[in-house]
Every structure is written in C-alpha cells, then in structure tokens.
Amino acid sequence: MTSLIQILLMILDVIWFIMIAHIIMSWLINFQVLNLRQPLVSQLWYGLNRLLEPLYGPIRRILPATGGLDLAPLVALLIIYALRIILLNNAAAFY
C-alpha cells in the first residue's frame, strides 16, 4: 500500500510542476519575453493548455468572473497541495 501512496504523490508532484511551468510560461508570454509566433513556444503553450484545461475548466465555472485575472491555477495548486497533505497525513492508515 505504501507504493500506491508514493505513486499518487508522484503523480501530484508531476501535475504540480506542469502547472508551475504553465504559470511561468504565461507570465513570460504576457510580458512579451516569449513570442507565440515561434513554433516551439506555440507548441509548448498549446500542449500545456490542453493538458491543464480539464483541471482549470471546472474551477473557472465555479469562480466568479474577475476580469483579466485568472485565479483557476492558484485554486488548482491549492487543491493539489491539500490532496498531498491529506495523503501524507493518512498514510499511516494504509500500513
């Protein structure tokens, strides 16, 4: 059962890092450090969007409209962090 918890924690860590990469890339695009007309940047950006939209979509439907500020990544990061805490605190129940 320990290996199952470790696999779940690893999956949460991978999602966490993908989300951090997406957030940093969105900042770089908005501050015009990266240009979406470059093929590699465009492919990475749209690939990350397609990966993370199933996570962000339901959160965006629940959150109120905030204009140009998207709080869905912040809420998703908090949810992933909370899931990680729940798994770690309840790991002893699976031994």
N, C-alpha and C. Protein backbone atom coordinates (compact mmCIF):
# COMPACT_ATOMS: atom_id res chain seq x y z
N MET A 1 0.81 -1.18 0.00
CA MET A 1 0.00 0.00 0.00
C MET A 1 0.87 1.26 0.00
N THR A 2 2.05 1.14 0.53
CA THR A 2 2.97 2.29 0.55
C THR A 2 3.31 2.71 -0.87
N SER A 3 3.49 1.74 -1.74
CA SER A 3 3.84 2.08 -3.12
C SER A 3 2.69 2.82 -3.81
N LEU A 4 1.45 2.50 -3.47
CA LEU A 4 0.31 3.20 -4.05
C LEU A 4 0.31 4.67 -3.63
N ILE A 5 0.58 4.93 -2.38
CA ILE A 5 0.64 6.31 -1.89
C ILE A 5 1.79 7.05 -2.55
N GLN A 6 2.93 6.38 -2.70
CA GLN A 6 4.07 7.02 -3.35
C GLN A 6 3.78 7.33 -4.81
N ILE A 7 3.07 6.44 -5.49
CA ILE A 7 2.70 6.69 -6.89
C ILE A 7 1.74 7.88 -6.98
N LEU A 8 0.76 7.94 -6.08
CA LEU A 8 -0.17 9.07 -6.08
C LEU A 8 0.55 10.39 -5.79
N LEU A 9 1.49 10.36 -4.85
CA LEU A 9 2.26 11.56 -4.54
C LEU A 9 3.13 11.98 -5.73
N MET A 10 3.68 10.99 -6.44
CA MET A 10 4.49 11.31 -7.61
C MET A 10 3.63 11.94 -8.71
N ILE A 11 2.42 11.42 -8.90
CA ILE A 11 1.51 11.98 -9.90
C ILE A 11 1.15 13.42 -9.53
N LEU A 12 0.88 13.66 -8.26
CA LEU A 12 0.58 15.02 -7.81
C LEU A 12 1.77 15.95 -8.01
N ASP A 13 2.99 15.44 -7.77
CA ASP A 13 4.19 16.25 -7.99
C ASP A 13 4.36 16.60 -9.47
N VAL A 14 4.11 15.64 -10.35
CA VAL A 14 4.24 15.91 -11.79
C VAL A 14 3.22 16.96 -12.22
N ILE A 15 1.98 16.83 -11.76
CA ILE A 15 0.97 17.82 -12.09
C ILE A 15 1.37 19.19 -11.54
N TRP A 16 1.90 19.22 -10.33
CA TRP A 16 2.35 20.47 -9.71
C TRP A 16 3.41 21.16 -10.58
N PHE A 17 4.41 20.41 -11.04
CA PHE A 17 5.47 21.01 -11.85
C PHE A 17 4.97 21.44 -13.23
N ILE A 18 4.05 20.69 -13.80
CA ILE A 18 3.48 21.10 -15.09
C ILE A 18 2.71 22.40 -14.92
N MET A 19 1.97 22.52 -13.82
CA MET A 19 1.23 23.75 -13.57
C MET A 19 2.16 24.94 -13.33
N ILE A 20 3.23 24.73 -12.60
CA ILE A 20 4.21 25.80 -12.37
C ILE A 20 4.83 26.24 -13.69
N ALA A 21 5.17 25.28 -14.55
CA ALA A 21 5.73 25.61 -15.86
C ALA A 21 4.72 26.41 -16.68
N HIS A 22 3.45 26.03 -16.63
CA HIS A 22 2.41 26.74 -17.36
C HIS A 22 2.24 28.17 -16.84
N ILE A 23 2.27 28.34 -15.53
CA ILE A 23 2.12 29.67 -14.93
C ILE A 23 3.30 30.56 -15.32
N ILE A 24 4.52 30.04 -15.21
CA ILE A 24 5.70 30.83 -15.57
C ILE A 24 5.69 31.16 -17.05
N MET A 25 5.29 30.21 -17.87
CA MET A 25 5.24 30.47 -19.31
C MET A 25 4.18 31.52 -19.63
N SER A 26 3.06 31.52 -18.93
CA SER A 26 2.04 32.54 -19.19
C SER A 26 2.54 33.92 -18.81
N TRP A 27 3.31 34.02 -17.73
CA TRP A 27 3.90 35.31 -17.36
C TRP A 27 4.88 35.78 -18.44
N LEU A 28 5.71 34.86 -18.91
CA LEU A 28 6.70 35.22 -19.93
C LEU A 28 6.03 35.63 -21.23
N ILE A 29 4.93 35.01 -21.57
CA ILE A 29 4.21 35.40 -22.78
C ILE A 29 3.54 36.77 -22.58
N ASN A 30 2.94 36.98 -21.41
CA ASN A 30 2.28 38.26 -21.16
C ASN A 30 3.25 39.43 -21.09
N PHE A 31 4.47 39.19 -20.60
CA PHE A 31 5.48 40.24 -20.55
C PHE A 31 6.31 40.29 -21.82
N GLN A 32 5.90 39.55 -22.84
CA GLN A 32 6.50 39.53 -24.16
C GLN A 32 7.97 39.11 -24.16
N VAL A 33 8.32 38.24 -23.24
CA VAL A 33 9.64 37.63 -23.26
C VAL A 33 9.62 36.47 -24.25
N LEU A 34 8.51 35.74 -24.26
CA LEU A 34 8.30 34.66 -25.24
C LEU A 34 7.26 35.11 -26.26
N ASN A 35 7.43 34.63 -27.47
CA ASN A 35 6.54 35.01 -28.56
C ASN A 35 5.82 33.76 -29.06
N LEU A 36 4.49 33.82 -29.12
CA LEU A 36 3.71 32.66 -29.57
C LEU A 36 3.86 32.39 -31.06
N ARG A 37 4.49 33.29 -31.79
CA ARG A 37 4.71 33.03 -33.22
C ARG A 37 5.88 32.08 -33.46
N GLN A 38 6.66 31.83 -32.44
CA GLN A 38 7.74 30.84 -32.57
C GLN A 38 7.12 29.45 -32.44
N PRO A 39 7.46 28.54 -33.34
CA PRO A 39 6.79 27.22 -33.36
C PRO A 39 6.96 26.43 -32.07
N LEU A 40 8.16 26.41 -31.51
CA LEU A 40 8.38 25.62 -30.29
C LEU A 40 7.59 26.19 -29.12
N VAL A 41 7.62 27.50 -28.96
CA VAL A 41 6.87 28.14 -27.87
C VAL A 41 5.38 27.90 -28.05
N SER A 42 4.91 28.01 -29.27
CA SER A 42 3.49 27.80 -29.56
C SER A 42 3.07 26.37 -29.25
N GLN A 43 3.87 25.40 -29.65
CA GLN A 43 3.54 24.00 -29.39
C GLN A 43 3.53 23.70 -27.90
N LEU A 44 4.53 24.21 -27.17
CA LEU A 44 4.57 24.01 -25.72
C LEU A 44 3.36 24.64 -25.05
N TRP A 45 3.04 25.87 -25.44
CA TRP A 45 1.94 26.60 -24.82
C TRP A 45 0.60 25.88 -25.05
N TYR A 46 0.33 25.51 -26.29
CA TYR A 46 -0.94 24.85 -26.58
C TYR A 46 -0.99 23.43 -26.00
N GLY A 47 0.15 22.77 -25.93
CA GLY A 47 0.20 21.46 -25.29
C GLY A 47 -0.10 21.55 -23.80
N LEU A 48 0.51 22.52 -23.12
CA LEU A 48 0.24 22.71 -21.69
C LEU A 48 -1.21 23.12 -21.46
N ASN A 49 -1.74 23.96 -22.34
CA ASN A 49 -3.16 24.35 -22.20
C ASN A 49 -4.08 23.15 -22.33
N ARG A 50 -3.78 22.28 -23.30
CA ARG A 50 -4.63 21.09 -23.49
C ARG A 50 -4.51 20.12 -22.33
N LEU A 51 -3.33 20.04 -21.72
CA LEU A 51 -3.15 19.17 -20.56
C LEU A 51 -3.90 19.69 -19.33
N LEU A 52 -3.87 21.00 -19.13
CA LEU A 52 -4.38 21.57 -17.89
C LEU A 52 -5.81 22.07 -17.97
N GLU A 53 -6.38 22.17 -19.15
CA GLU A 53 -7.75 22.66 -19.26
C GLU A 53 -8.76 21.77 -18.53
N PRO A 54 -8.62 20.44 -18.52
CA PRO A 54 -9.56 19.63 -17.73
C PRO A 54 -9.50 19.95 -16.23
N LEU A 55 -8.36 20.42 -15.75
CA LEU A 55 -8.26 20.84 -14.35
C LEU A 55 -8.85 22.23 -14.14
N TYR A 56 -8.53 23.14 -15.04
CA TYR A 56 -8.93 24.54 -14.87
C TYR A 56 -10.39 24.78 -15.21
N GLY A 57 -10.95 24.05 -16.15
CA GLY A 57 -12.30 24.29 -16.62
C GLY A 57 -13.37 24.27 -15.53
N PRO A 58 -13.45 23.19 -14.75
CA PRO A 58 -14.46 23.17 -13.68
C PRO A 58 -14.23 24.26 -12.63
N ILE A 59 -12.98 24.58 -12.36
CA ILE A 59 -12.68 25.63 -11.38
C ILE A 59 -13.12 26.98 -11.91
N ARG A 60 -12.90 27.24 -13.19
CA ARG A 60 -13.31 28.51 -13.80
C ARG A 60 -14.83 28.67 -13.80
N ARG A 61 -15.57 27.56 -13.92
CA ARG A 61 -17.03 27.64 -13.89
C ARG A 61 -17.54 28.00 -12.50
N ILE A 62 -16.82 27.59 -11.46
CA ILE A 62 -17.24 27.85 -10.08
C ILE A 62 -16.85 29.25 -9.64
N LEU A 63 -15.64 29.70 -10.02
CA LEU A 63 -15.15 31.00 -9.58
C LEU A 63 -15.93 32.14 -10.24
N PRO A 64 -16.11 33.24 -9.53
CA PRO A 64 -16.75 34.39 -10.17
C PRO A 64 -15.82 35.05 -11.18
N ALA A 65 -16.39 35.79 -12.11
CA ALA A 65 -15.60 36.47 -13.14
C ALA A 65 -14.77 37.58 -12.48
N THR A 66 -13.48 37.59 -12.79
CA THR A 66 -12.59 38.59 -12.21
C THR A 66 -11.91 39.42 -13.29
N GLY A 67 -12.53 39.52 -14.43
CA GLY A 67 -11.94 40.31 -15.50
C GLY A 67 -10.77 39.57 -16.13
N GLY A 68 -9.63 40.22 -16.20
CA GLY A 68 -8.45 39.63 -16.83
C GLY A 68 -7.63 38.75 -15.91
N LEU A 69 -8.02 38.62 -14.66
CA LEU A 69 -7.26 37.85 -13.69
C LEU A 69 -7.82 36.43 -13.59
N ASP A 70 -7.01 35.45 -13.91
CA ASP A 70 -7.44 34.05 -13.86
C ASP A 70 -6.92 33.42 -12.58
N LEU A 71 -7.82 33.11 -11.68
CA LEU A 71 -7.44 32.52 -10.39
C LEU A 71 -7.52 31.00 -10.39
N ALA A 72 -7.90 30.40 -11.50
CA ALA A 72 -8.03 28.95 -11.57
C ALA A 72 -6.71 28.23 -11.29
N PRO A 73 -5.55 28.69 -11.83
CA PRO A 73 -4.30 27.99 -11.50
C PRO A 73 -3.96 28.04 -10.00
N LEU A 74 -4.25 29.17 -9.36
CA LEU A 74 -3.98 29.28 -7.93
C LEU A 74 -4.85 28.31 -7.14
N VAL A 75 -6.11 28.24 -7.48
CA VAL A 75 -7.03 27.33 -6.78
C VAL A 75 -6.62 25.89 -7.04
N ALA A 76 -6.23 25.57 -8.27
CA ALA A 76 -5.81 24.21 -8.60
C ALA A 76 -4.54 23.83 -7.83
N LEU A 77 -3.60 24.77 -7.72
CA LEU A 77 -2.39 24.50 -6.94
C LEU A 77 -2.72 24.24 -5.47
N LEU A 78 -3.64 25.02 -4.93
CA LEU A 78 -4.05 24.81 -3.54
C LEU A 78 -4.74 23.46 -3.35
N ILE A 79 -5.55 23.06 -4.31
CA ILE A 79 -6.23 21.76 -4.23
C ILE A 79 -5.21 20.63 -4.28
N ILE A 80 -4.25 20.74 -5.18
CA ILE A 80 -3.22 19.69 -5.27
C ILE A 80 -2.40 19.62 -4.00
N TYR A 81 -2.06 20.77 -3.45
CA TYR A 81 -1.30 20.80 -2.20
C TYR A 81 -2.13 20.20 -1.06
N ALA A 82 -3.44 20.50 -1.02
CA ALA A 82 -4.30 19.92 0.02
C ALA A 82 -4.41 18.40 -0.14
N LEU A 83 -4.52 17.92 -1.38
CA LEU A 83 -4.55 16.47 -1.60
C LEU A 83 -3.27 15.80 -1.14
N ARG A 84 -2.16 16.47 -1.38
CA ARG A 84 -0.87 15.94 -0.93
C ARG A 84 -0.81 15.85 0.59
N ILE A 85 -1.29 16.88 1.28
CA ILE A 85 -1.31 16.87 2.74
C ILE A 85 -2.23 15.76 3.25
N ILE A 86 -3.38 15.61 2.63
CA ILE A 86 -4.32 14.56 3.04
C ILE A 86 -3.70 13.18 2.87
N LEU A 87 -3.03 12.96 1.75
CA LEU A 87 -2.38 11.65 1.53
C LEU A 87 -1.28 11.40 2.56
N LEU A 88 -0.46 12.40 2.82
CA LEU A 88 0.63 12.21 3.77
C LEU A 88 0.12 12.00 5.20
N ASN A 89 -0.91 12.73 5.60
CA ASN A 89 -1.43 12.59 6.96
C ASN A 89 -2.16 11.28 7.17
N ASN A 90 -2.71 10.72 6.11
CA ASN A 90 -3.45 9.46 6.24
C ASN A 90 -2.66 8.26 5.75
N ALA A 91 -1.39 8.44 5.49
CA ALA A 91 -0.56 7.33 5.01
C ALA A 91 -0.44 6.22 6.04
N ALA A 92 -0.46 6.56 7.30
CA ALA A 92 -0.32 5.55 8.35
C ALA A 92 -1.52 4.58 8.36
N ALA A 93 -2.66 5.01 7.88
CA ALA A 93 -3.84 4.15 7.85
C ALA A 93 -3.71 3.04 6.83
N PHE A 94 -2.79 3.17 5.89
CA PHE A 94 -2.63 2.18 4.83
C PHE A 94 -1.54 1.16 5.11
N TYR A 95 -0.86 1.27 6.24
CA TYR A 95 0.22 0.32 6.55
C TYR A 95 -0.30 -0.94 7.15
